[in-house]
């Protein structure tokens, strides 16, 4: 942490003379406190500004964080050990940050898949970099609902989430050494987004829409139907190793090549969950950890050259892990 703060000293100068001390306290609190908050961080600090001054400094720093963050990210790219690499992965996701004051700009009611409910908060669209040795947030922006903007007379500022996503795609395409693989959830898996990524020669992993039509073996199906079309003998035991926890899961998978209108050929990986591997299979695989899949059928897809194992072995998204339905092209 000290090395990070020292490397950011020039960048933080734009935040004012108190910015380095404030950032050190915030970073320390986030790292070492359970469920950190501004109040808790200030309360546990041994030295530093009064609570009133502490919050005044936070408000000043908040207004400058976007620029400071991007300067820090640019500095990271100059370090060969921390810089993004083409072999890494970019993950785009939405985070709902709880907020109790509906009068604050950007605050509205949002549904959180993590909390499985609707509550007041701020929608943060973020891009996360995941590499072999490091991972960190690579970009972010706030999404504001049209009704919230209309209430403030700022409806001309409205931008759809997927339009913001395509801006991210183009921005990172212009960055040197940025990864070529994107991971996203089903919301961002639109044919327009897929078309943009294909145009940029990117690989992507996401949930396909269940109502999409596909062509397989010269016949048309909905993706929701395809699992019942694949012969049982085409499903093979597949081991998936979580790169973070190193836990292993086992699935019976079948990888097929399909055509999807407007976005072309894809590798669709069918995960036949709910089927427990046989004792002989488990002994042969010798798993350290076996977690039974859910009872729902699910699918994923990948670049044609990729195996089913690679397609479902990508790191989890920030919202709690990718569905077992995912895509790559």
Protein backbone atom coordinates (compact mmCIF):
# COMPACT_ATOMS: atom_id res chain seq x y z
CA UNK A 1 0.00 0.00 0.00
CA UNK A 2 2.83 2.41 0.84
CA UNK A 3 4.40 1.72 -2.56
CA UNK A 4 1.06 2.45 -4.22
CA UNK A 5 0.59 5.69 -2.32
CA UNK A 6 4.17 6.77 -2.97
CA UNK A 7 3.73 6.11 -6.67
CA UNK A 8 0.55 8.16 -6.65
CA UNK A 9 2.05 11.15 -4.83
CA UNK A 10 2.27 13.40 -7.89
CA UNK A 11 -1.21 12.40 -9.02
CA UNK A 12 -2.74 13.12 -5.63
CA UNK A 13 -1.22 16.59 -5.53
CA UNK A 14 -4.16 17.76 -7.64
CA UNK A 15 -6.47 16.71 -4.81
CA UNK A 16 -5.01 19.25 -2.39
CA UNK A 17 -2.45 19.03 0.42
CA UNK A 18 -4.69 16.79 2.54
CA UNK A 19 -5.44 14.30 -0.25
CA UNK A 20 -2.51 11.90 0.36
CA UNK A 21 -3.28 11.58 4.08
CA UNK A 22 -7.00 11.20 3.44
CA UNK A 23 -6.49 8.56 0.77
CA UNK A 24 -4.11 6.60 3.01
CA UNK A 25 -6.71 6.53 5.77
CA UNK A 26 -9.48 5.50 3.38
CA UNK A 27 -7.40 2.75 1.74
CA UNK A 28 -6.23 1.44 5.13
CA UNK A 29 -9.80 1.37 6.42
CA UNK A 30 -11.11 -0.46 3.36
CA UNK A 31 -8.34 -3.05 3.59
CA UNK A 32 -8.44 -3.78 7.31
CA UNK A 33 -11.93 -2.99 8.62
CA UNK A 34 -14.90 -5.29 8.39
CA UNK A 35 -17.72 -3.56 6.49
CA UNK A 36 -15.82 -0.25 6.32
CA UNK A 37 -17.67 3.06 6.23
CA UNK A 38 -16.54 6.67 6.40
CA UNK A 39 -17.72 6.91 10.01
CA UNK A 40 -15.95 3.71 11.02
CA UNK A 41 -12.74 4.72 9.24
CA UNK A 42 -12.66 8.09 10.98
CA UNK A 43 -13.53 6.56 14.37
CA UNK A 44 -10.65 4.05 14.22
CA UNK A 45 -8.07 6.59 13.02
CA UNK A 46 -5.53 7.46 15.72
CA UNK A 47 -4.51 10.79 14.22
CA UNK A 48 -5.90 13.07 11.55
CA UNK A 49 -8.49 15.76 10.88
CA UNK A 50 -11.65 16.25 12.92
CA UNK A 51 -14.76 14.48 11.70
CA UNK A 52 -16.10 17.67 10.13
CA UNK A 53 -12.84 18.36 8.32
CA UNK A 54 -12.55 14.69 7.38
CA UNK A 55 -15.91 14.80 5.59
CA UNK A 56 -15.15 18.15 3.97
CA UNK A 57 -11.96 16.63 2.57
CA UNK A 58 -13.91 13.61 1.30
CA UNK A 59 -16.36 15.86 -0.56
CA UNK A 60 -13.51 17.75 -2.22
CA UNK A 61 -11.71 14.54 -3.13
CA UNK A 62 -14.91 12.95 -4.47
CA UNK A 63 -15.29 15.69 -7.05
CA UNK A 64 -11.77 15.02 -8.30
CA UNK A 65 -11.71 11.23 -8.04
CA UNK A 66 -12.62 10.57 -11.66
CA UNK A 67 -9.58 12.47 -12.93
CA UNK A 68 -7.31 11.13 -10.17
CA UNK A 69 -8.42 7.55 -10.87
CA UNK A 70 -7.61 7.84 -14.57
CA UNK A 71 -4.20 9.34 -13.80
CA UNK A 72 -3.47 6.44 -11.43
CA UNK A 73 -4.61 3.93 -14.07
CA UNK A 74 -2.30 5.56 -16.62
CA UNK A 75 0.57 5.28 -14.13
CA UNK A 76 -0.15 1.57 -13.61
CA UNK A 77 0.22 0.96 -17.33
CA UNK A 78 3.84 2.15 -17.13
CA UNK A 79 4.70 -0.68 -14.73
CA UNK A 80 5.27 -3.95 -16.59
CA UNK A 81 4.11 -6.00 -13.57
CA UNK A 82 0.84 -4.09 -13.18
CA UNK A 83 -0.01 -3.07 -16.73
CA UNK A 84 -2.88 -4.73 -18.56
CA UNK A 85 -1.86 -7.54 -20.89
CA UNK A 86 -3.59 -8.76 -24.10
CA UNK A 87 -3.98 -12.19 -22.48
CA UNK A 88 -6.05 -10.80 -19.60
CA UNK A 89 -9.80 -10.33 -19.35
CA UNK A 90 -12.05 -7.26 -19.12
CA UNK A 91 -15.27 -7.67 -17.15
CA UNK A 92 -18.12 -5.19 -17.48
CA UNK A 93 -20.71 -5.17 -14.73
CA UNK A 94 -23.22 -3.01 -12.89
CA UNK A 95 -22.93 -2.35 -9.16
CA UNK A 96 -25.77 -0.88 -7.13
CA UNK A 97 -24.31 1.21 -4.31
CA UNK A 98 -26.87 1.67 -1.50
CA UNK A 99 -27.77 5.26 -0.64
CA UNK A 100 -30.42 6.51 1.76
CA UNK A 101 -30.94 10.05 0.42
CA UNK A 102 -33.14 10.11 -2.69
CA UNK A 103 -32.43 13.82 -3.14
CA UNK A 104 -28.82 13.14 -4.16
CA UNK A 105 -28.15 13.20 -7.92
CA UNK A 106 -28.14 9.73 -9.45
CA UNK A 107 -29.98 8.09 -6.55
CA UNK A 108 -33.03 6.08 -7.58
CA UNK A 109 -34.63 2.69 -7.01
CA UNK A 110 -32.63 -0.12 -8.63
CA UNK A 111 -32.93 -3.88 -8.62
CA UNK A 112 -29.85 -5.67 -7.29
CA UNK A 113 -29.24 -9.25 -8.42
CA UNK A 114 -26.87 -9.68 -5.49
CA UNK A 115 -29.40 -8.57 -2.88
CA UNK A 116 -32.34 -9.90 -4.93
CA UNK A 117 -34.40 -6.84 -4.23
CA UNK A 118 -35.13 -3.20 -5.10
CA UNK A 119 -33.65 -0.43 -3.00
CA UNK A 120 -32.38 3.14 -3.19
CA UNK A 121 -28.91 3.43 -4.57
CA UNK A 122 -26.57 4.62 -7.30
CA UNK A 123 -25.87 2.56 -10.40
CA UNK A 124 -22.17 2.25 -11.17
CA UNK A 125 -21.13 0.69 -14.47
CA UNK A 126 -17.57 -0.55 -14.13
CA UNK A 127 -14.92 -2.33 -16.17
CA UNK A 128 -12.64 -4.61 -14.18
CA UNK A 129 -9.30 -5.94 -15.41
CA UNK A 130 -8.39 -9.51 -14.49
CA UNK A 131 -4.86 -10.73 -15.25
CA UNK A 132 -2.69 -13.64 -14.25
CA UNK A 133 -1.07 -11.72 -11.39
CA UNK A 134 -3.21 -8.63 -10.79
CA UNK A 135 -6.75 -7.39 -10.97
CA UNK A 136 -8.14 -3.89 -10.54
CA UNK A 137 -10.93 -1.55 -11.69
CA UNK A 138 -10.04 -0.15 -15.09
CA UNK A 139 -12.86 2.33 -15.70
CA UNK A 140 -16.26 3.36 -14.40
CA UNK A 141 -19.16 5.71 -14.94
CA UNK A 142 -22.49 6.32 -13.25
CA UNK A 143 -25.76 5.38 -14.94
CA UNK A 144 -28.71 7.69 -14.27
CA UNK A 145 -32.31 6.75 -14.91
CA UNK A 146 -34.30 8.88 -17.34
CA UNK A 147 -37.01 9.61 -14.75
CA UNK A 148 -34.39 10.81 -12.26
CA UNK A 149 -32.85 13.12 -14.86
CA UNK A 150 -36.28 14.36 -15.96
CA UNK A 151 -37.05 15.30 -12.38
CA UNK A 152 -34.03 17.60 -12.48
CA UNK A 153 -34.66 18.90 -16.00
CA UNK A 154 -31.56 17.11 -17.31
CA UNK A 155 -33.18 14.50 -19.56
CA UNK A 156 -30.81 15.38 -22.43
CA UNK A 157 -28.02 13.77 -20.40
CA UNK A 158 -29.72 10.36 -20.48
CA UNK A 159 -27.75 7.50 -22.00
CA UNK A 160 -28.76 3.84 -22.11
CA UNK A 161 -26.61 1.30 -20.29
CA UNK A 162 -25.74 -0.62 -23.44
CA UNK A 163 -24.72 2.57 -25.22
CA UNK A 164 -22.33 3.20 -22.33
CA UNK A 165 -21.06 -0.37 -22.68
CA UNK A 166 -20.25 0.19 -26.36
CA UNK A 167 -18.32 3.32 -25.40
CA UNK A 168 -16.25 1.16 -23.05
CA UNK A 169 -15.62 -1.36 -25.85
CA UNK A 170 -14.31 1.34 -28.19
CA UNK A 171 -12.29 3.08 -25.48
CA UNK A 172 -10.39 -0.06 -24.50
CA UNK A 173 -9.93 -1.05 -28.11
CA UNK A 174 -7.91 2.14 -28.53
CA UNK A 175 -5.69 1.31 -25.52
CA UNK A 176 -2.36 -0.38 -26.10
CA UNK A 177 -2.10 -3.91 -24.65
CA UNK A 178 -5.75 -3.98 -23.53
CA UNK A 179 -7.20 -7.53 -23.38
CA UNK A 180 -9.17 -8.94 -26.28
CA UNK A 181 -11.61 -10.91 -24.11
CA UNK A 182 -14.73 -9.38 -22.55
CA UNK A 183 -16.95 -11.02 -19.92
CA UNK A 184 -20.46 -9.64 -19.40
CA UNK A 185 -23.81 -10.77 -18.04
CA UNK A 186 -27.00 -11.34 -20.02
CA UNK A 187 -28.12 -7.71 -19.82
CA UNK A 188 -25.15 -6.58 -21.91
CA UNK A 189 -25.48 -9.51 -24.33
CA UNK A 190 -27.39 -7.71 -27.06
CA UNK A 191 -26.85 -8.30 -30.74
CA UNK A 192 -25.78 -4.67 -31.13
CA UNK A 193 -23.13 -5.08 -28.44
CA UNK A 194 -22.01 -8.39 -29.91
CA UNK A 195 -21.82 -6.79 -33.34
CA UNK A 196 -19.62 -4.00 -32.01
CA UNK A 197 -17.26 -6.47 -30.34
CA UNK A 198 -17.07 -8.62 -33.47
CA UNK A 199 -16.31 -5.50 -35.53
CA UNK A 200 -13.47 -4.76 -33.09
CA UNK A 201 -12.26 -8.40 -33.41
CA UNK A 202 -12.90 -9.12 -29.72
CA UNK A 203 -13.83 -12.33 -27.97
CA UNK A 204 -16.75 -12.16 -25.56
CA UNK A 205 -18.36 -14.36 -22.92
CA UNK A 206 -21.93 -13.80 -21.79
CA UNK A 207 -25.33 -15.36 -21.30
CA UNK A 208 -27.24 -15.76 -24.56
CA UNK A 209 -30.89 -14.76 -24.54
CA UNK A 210 -33.07 -17.83 -24.09
CA UNK A 211 -35.50 -16.67 -26.77
CA UNK A 212 -32.81 -16.20 -29.43
CA UNK A 213 -33.14 -18.36 -32.50
CA UNK A 214 -30.14 -20.36 -33.68
CA UNK A 215 -29.38 -22.71 -36.53
CA UNK A 216 -27.84 -26.06 -35.63
CA UNK A 217 -27.31 -28.87 -38.12
CA UNK A 218 -29.36 -26.90 -40.68
CA UNK A 219 -32.38 -26.72 -38.36
CA UNK A 220 -33.72 -23.74 -36.44
CA UNK A 221 -34.22 -23.80 -32.67
CA UNK A 222 -34.59 -21.48 -29.72
CA UNK A 223 -31.62 -21.62 -27.38
CA UNK A 224 -33.97 -22.79 -24.62
CA UNK A 225 -34.76 -25.89 -26.72
CA UNK A 226 -31.27 -26.90 -27.78
CA UNK A 227 -30.33 -28.77 -24.60
CA UNK A 228 -32.93 -31.45 -25.38
CA UNK A 229 -31.64 -31.87 -28.94
CA UNK A 230 -28.06 -32.87 -28.05
CA UNK A 231 -27.52 -36.64 -27.76
CA UNK A 232 -26.69 -37.74 -24.21
CA UNK A 233 -23.46 -39.31 -25.44
CA UNK A 234 -22.15 -35.89 -26.55
CA UNK A 235 -21.95 -34.65 -22.96
CA UNK A 236 -18.51 -35.12 -21.43
CA UNK A 237 -17.31 -34.71 -17.87
CA UNK A 238 -15.66 -31.29 -17.66
CA UNK A 239 -13.56 -30.03 -14.77
CA UNK A 240 -13.67 -26.31 -14.05
CA UNK A 241 -10.99 -24.79 -11.81
CA UNK A 242 -11.80 -21.48 -10.14
CA UNK A 243 -8.64 -19.35 -10.71
CA UNK A 244 -9.17 -17.47 -7.44
CA UNK A 245 -10.21 -20.13 -4.94
CA UNK A 246 -8.66 -23.08 -6.82
CA UNK A 247 -11.81 -25.05 -6.08
CA UNK A 248 -12.92 -27.51 -8.71
CA UNK A 249 -16.40 -28.18 -10.03
CA UNK A 250 -17.53 -30.86 -12.45
CA UNK A 251 -20.15 -30.58 -15.17
CA UNK A 252 -21.30 -32.64 -18.12
CA UNK A 253 -20.78 -30.34 -21.12
CA UNK A 254 -21.40 -30.49 -24.85
CA UNK A 255 -19.87 -27.91 -27.20
CA UNK A 256 -21.64 -27.29 -30.51
CA UNK A 257 -21.19 -24.77 -33.30
CA UNK A 258 -24.29 -22.75 -34.13
CA UNK A 259 -25.29 -19.79 -36.27
CA UNK A 260 -27.04 -16.80 -34.67
CA UNK A 261 -28.74 -14.29 -36.99
CA UNK A 262 -26.97 -10.92 -37.27
CA UNK A 263 -23.93 -11.99 -35.26
CA UNK A 264 -22.81 -15.16 -37.03
CA UNK A 265 -21.19 -18.37 -35.89
CA UNK A 266 -20.66 -19.15 -32.22
CA UNK A 267 -19.60 -22.04 -30.09
CA UNK A 268 -22.45 -22.87 -27.77
CA UNK A 269 -21.55 -24.87 -24.68
CA UNK A 270 -24.42 -26.76 -23.11
CA UNK A 271 -23.97 -27.46 -19.41
CA UNK A 272 -26.19 -30.33 -18.33
CA UNK A 273 -26.48 -29.43 -14.67
CA UNK A 274 -28.30 -31.59 -12.21
CA UNK A 275 -26.44 -34.69 -13.39
CA UNK A 276 -23.99 -35.99 -10.84
CA UNK A 277 -20.75 -37.48 -12.25
CA UNK A 278 -20.42 -41.21 -11.74
CA UNK A 279 -18.18 -42.61 -9.01
CA UNK A 280 -15.76 -43.90 -11.64
CA UNK A 281 -15.51 -40.46 -13.23
CA UNK A 282 -14.81 -38.84 -9.87
CA UNK A 283 -12.12 -41.34 -8.96
CA UNK A 284 -10.45 -40.77 -12.29
CA UNK A 285 -10.67 -37.00 -11.91
CA UNK A 286 -9.60 -37.17 -8.24
CA UNK A 287 -11.28 -33.86 -7.28
CA UNK A 288 -10.17 -31.97 -4.23
CA UNK A 289 -13.47 -30.15 -4.00
CA UNK A 290 -16.69 -31.17 -5.68
CA UNK A 291 -19.67 -28.83 -5.70
CA UNK A 292 -22.88 -30.17 -7.19
CA UNK A 293 -24.39 -27.93 -9.86
CA UNK A 294 -27.88 -26.51 -9.58
CA UNK A 295 -30.77 -28.46 -11.06
CA UNK A 296 -31.37 -26.04 -13.92
CA UNK A 297 -30.11 -26.58 -17.43
CA UNK A 298 -27.88 -23.82 -18.69
CA UNK A 299 -25.74 -22.92 -21.67
CA UNK A 300 -22.67 -20.94 -22.56
CA UNK A 301 -20.92 -20.07 -25.79
CA UNK A 302 -17.40 -19.35 -26.91
CA UNK A 303 -15.09 -18.47 -29.74
CA UNK A 304 -15.25 -21.31 -32.25
CA UNK A 305 -11.65 -22.34 -31.55
CA UNK A 306 -12.22 -22.54 -27.80
CA UNK A 307 -13.08 -25.66 -25.85
CA UNK A 308 -16.09 -25.88 -23.56
CA UNK A 309 -13.76 -26.08 -20.56
CA UNK A 310 -12.11 -22.79 -21.38
CA UNK A 311 -15.44 -21.12 -22.05
CA UNK A 312 -16.80 -21.83 -18.56
CA UNK A 313 -13.52 -21.37 -16.69
CA UNK A 314 -13.28 -17.58 -16.93
CA UNK A 315 -13.11 -15.62 -13.67
CA UNK A 316 -16.36 -14.59 -12.00
CA UNK A 317 -17.96 -11.25 -12.66
CA UNK A 318 -17.92 -8.74 -9.87
CA UNK A 319 -21.58 -9.25 -9.04
CA UNK A 320 -21.00 -12.70 -7.62
CA UNK A 321 -19.92 -14.93 -10.47
CA UNK A 322 -21.01 -15.65 -14.01
CA UNK A 323 -24.03 -17.76 -14.75
CA UNK A 324 -23.29 -21.11 -16.22
CA UNK A 325 -24.93 -19.70 -19.35
CA UNK A 326 -22.22 -17.75 -21.07
CA UNK A 327 -20.99 -16.88 -24.50
CA UNK A 328 -17.77 -16.17 -26.42
CA UNK A 329 -17.20 -15.31 -30.01
